[in-house]
Amino acid sequence: MLEQFPKGEIVALERAEQRLERFGKVALGGFLIILGLGILGLIYAIVTKMILSGEKPLIGSIVVLTLIFGALGLTYVVFREGLNEKRKALRHRAAKPELSNPVTGKVLYEGSQQPITSIVEDTTDLLPVENRTPRL
């Protein structure tokens, strides 16, 4: 498919992909920061209201640990997917054919060999001639 696009369109497409990827990283980073702050706020509220006040310290501890390990698991998934995307991009770049081939502009060597004669060449000479009257 890349061979069908002119070179300028390919460069523009790659730039657009890079900008979209940067935008996605910024958006995901912002979301993760807000999510992290929300989790920290929730942990703080649970620690102060349940654990430090002495109302339900066991349940509060379990909820806090669940939130912490849930956040760590989500972070692992996000980083793992990022690495998979980078690995996929590297494979795609390695498999992408080069568009400019330096050998393309060279003239092929033409030897001094004669072309091979056809097997049907001069076969009509062997046919019997029945009528040799010239046509007018």
Protein backbone atom coordinates (compact mmCIF):
# COMPACT_ATOMS: atom_id res chain seq x y z
CA MET A 1 0.00 0.00 0.00
CA LEU A 2 2.89 2.37 0.71
CA GLU A 3 4.07 2.06 -2.88
CA GLN A 4 0.81 3.63 -4.09
CA PHE A 5 1.23 6.84 -2.08
CA PRO A 6 3.51 9.60 -3.31
CA LYS A 7 6.45 10.23 -1.01
CA GLY A 8 5.03 13.54 0.32
CA GLU A 9 1.80 11.89 1.39
CA ILE A 10 3.71 9.16 3.22
CA VAL A 11 5.73 11.75 5.15
CA ALA A 12 2.55 13.69 6.00
CA LEU A 13 0.86 10.48 7.13
CA GLU A 14 3.81 9.55 9.36
CA ARG A 15 3.85 13.06 10.90
CA ALA A 16 0.12 12.85 11.61
CA GLU A 17 0.61 9.45 13.25
CA GLN A 18 3.42 10.85 15.42
CA ARG A 19 1.29 13.83 16.50
CA LEU A 20 -1.63 11.55 17.31
CA GLU A 21 0.66 9.29 19.33
CA ARG A 22 2.04 12.26 21.28
CA PHE A 23 -1.50 13.51 21.93
CA GLY A 24 -2.51 10.06 23.17
CA LYS A 25 0.46 9.93 25.51
CA VAL A 26 -0.35 13.36 26.95
CA ALA A 27 -4.04 12.49 27.36
CA LEU A 28 -3.24 9.15 28.98
CA GLY A 29 -0.65 10.76 31.25
CA GLY A 30 -3.15 13.39 32.38
CA PHE A 31 -5.81 10.75 33.01
CA LEU A 32 -3.38 8.64 35.03
CA ILE A 33 -2.32 11.64 37.11
CA ILE A 34 -5.95 12.49 37.92
CA LEU A 35 -6.72 8.84 38.63
CA GLY A 36 -3.66 8.60 40.90
CA LEU A 37 -4.67 11.73 42.80
CA GLY A 38 -8.19 10.35 43.20
CA ILE A 39 -6.86 7.07 44.55
CA LEU A 40 -4.54 8.90 46.95
CA GLY A 41 -7.44 11.06 48.15
CA LEU A 42 -9.59 7.98 48.66
CA ILE A 43 -6.81 6.23 50.57
CA TYR A 44 -6.33 9.32 52.76
CA ALA A 45 -10.05 9.46 53.51
CA ILE A 46 -10.19 5.76 54.36
CA VAL A 47 -7.11 5.96 56.58
CA THR A 48 -8.37 8.99 58.53
CA LYS A 49 -12.03 7.93 58.83
CA MET A 50 -11.74 4.18 59.29
CA ILE A 51 -8.26 3.26 60.47
CA LEU A 52 -7.06 6.20 62.57
CA SER A 53 -10.48 6.86 64.11
CA GLY A 54 -10.64 3.22 65.20
CA GLU A 55 -14.11 2.59 63.72
CA LYS A 56 -13.25 -0.24 61.31
CA PRO A 57 -9.46 -0.59 61.05
CA LEU A 58 -9.49 -4.08 59.49
CA ILE A 59 -11.95 -3.21 56.72
CA GLY A 60 -10.17 0.11 56.11
CA SER A 61 -6.81 -1.66 55.78
CA ILE A 62 -8.24 -4.19 53.33
CA VAL A 63 -9.81 -1.42 51.21
CA VAL A 64 -6.56 0.59 51.22
CA LEU A 65 -4.50 -2.45 50.20
CA THR A 66 -7.03 -3.29 47.48
CA LEU A 67 -6.77 0.24 46.10
CA ILE A 68 -2.97 0.22 46.22
CA PHE A 69 -2.58 -3.14 44.48
CA GLY A 70 -5.33 -2.29 42.01
CA ALA A 71 -3.47 0.91 41.08
CA LEU A 72 -0.19 -1.02 40.76
CA GLY A 73 -1.89 -3.62 38.56
CA LEU A 74 -3.37 -0.91 36.33
CA THR A 75 0.04 0.74 36.06
CA TYR A 76 1.57 -2.60 35.06
CA VAL A 77 -1.07 -3.12 32.35
CA VAL A 78 -0.57 0.37 30.93
CA PHE A 79 3.23 0.03 30.79
CA ARG A 80 2.98 -3.49 29.35
CA GLU A 81 0.66 -2.29 26.57
CA GLY A 82 3.04 0.58 25.85
CA LEU A 83 5.92 -1.86 25.46
CA ASN A 84 3.82 -4.09 23.21
CA GLU A 85 2.95 -1.11 21.01
CA LYS A 86 6.63 -0.15 20.74
CA ARG A 87 7.57 -3.73 19.90
CA LYS A 88 4.82 -3.85 17.27
CA ALA A 89 6.01 -0.56 15.76
CA LEU A 90 9.58 -1.87 15.58
CA ARG A 91 8.42 -5.03 13.81
CA HIS A 92 6.32 -2.95 11.42
CA ARG A 93 9.26 -0.67 10.66
CA ALA A 94 11.53 -3.66 10.07
CA ALA A 95 8.98 -5.27 7.74
CA LYS A 96 8.23 -2.06 5.81
CA PRO A 97 9.79 -2.19 2.34
CA GLU A 98 12.18 0.53 1.39
CA LEU A 99 10.66 2.94 -1.10
CA SER A 100 13.88 4.11 -2.69
CA ASN A 101 15.98 1.35 -4.21
CA PRO A 102 19.36 2.56 -5.52
CA VAL A 103 19.54 -0.33 -8.02
CA THR A 104 16.34 0.75 -9.79
CA GLY A 105 17.98 3.46 -11.90
CA LYS A 106 20.59 1.15 -13.44
CA VAL A 107 20.31 -0.16 -16.98
CA LEU A 108 20.25 -3.91 -17.26
CA TYR A 109 23.20 -5.53 -18.97
CA GLU A 110 22.36 -6.69 -22.44
CA GLY A 111 24.75 -9.30 -23.73
CA SER A 112 25.60 -10.02 -27.34
CA GLN A 113 23.54 -13.19 -27.42
CA GLN A 114 21.00 -13.69 -30.19
CA PRO A 115 17.39 -14.26 -29.21
CA ILE A 116 16.21 -17.85 -29.17
CA THR A 117 14.28 -18.78 -32.27
CA SER A 118 10.70 -19.82 -32.00
CA ILE A 119 9.70 -23.42 -32.58
CA VAL A 120 7.05 -22.33 -35.03
CA GLU A 121 9.36 -20.09 -37.03
CA ASP A 122 9.69 -21.06 -40.72
CA THR A 123 7.31 -24.00 -40.37
CA THR A 124 5.08 -22.75 -43.18
CA ASP A 125 7.92 -23.40 -45.65
CA LEU A 126 7.35 -27.12 -45.24
CA LEU A 127 3.67 -27.02 -46.22
CA PRO A 128 2.85 -28.34 -49.71
CA VAL A 129 1.94 -25.72 -52.27
CA GLU A 130 -1.13 -26.65 -54.31
CA ASN A 131 -1.99 -23.58 -56.25
CA ARG A 132 0.59 -20.98 -57.20
CA THR A 133 -1.49 -18.75 -59.36
CA PRO A 134 -1.03 -15.12 -58.50
CA ARG A 135 -4.01 -13.21 -57.23
CA LEU A 136 -5.08 -10.04 -58.88
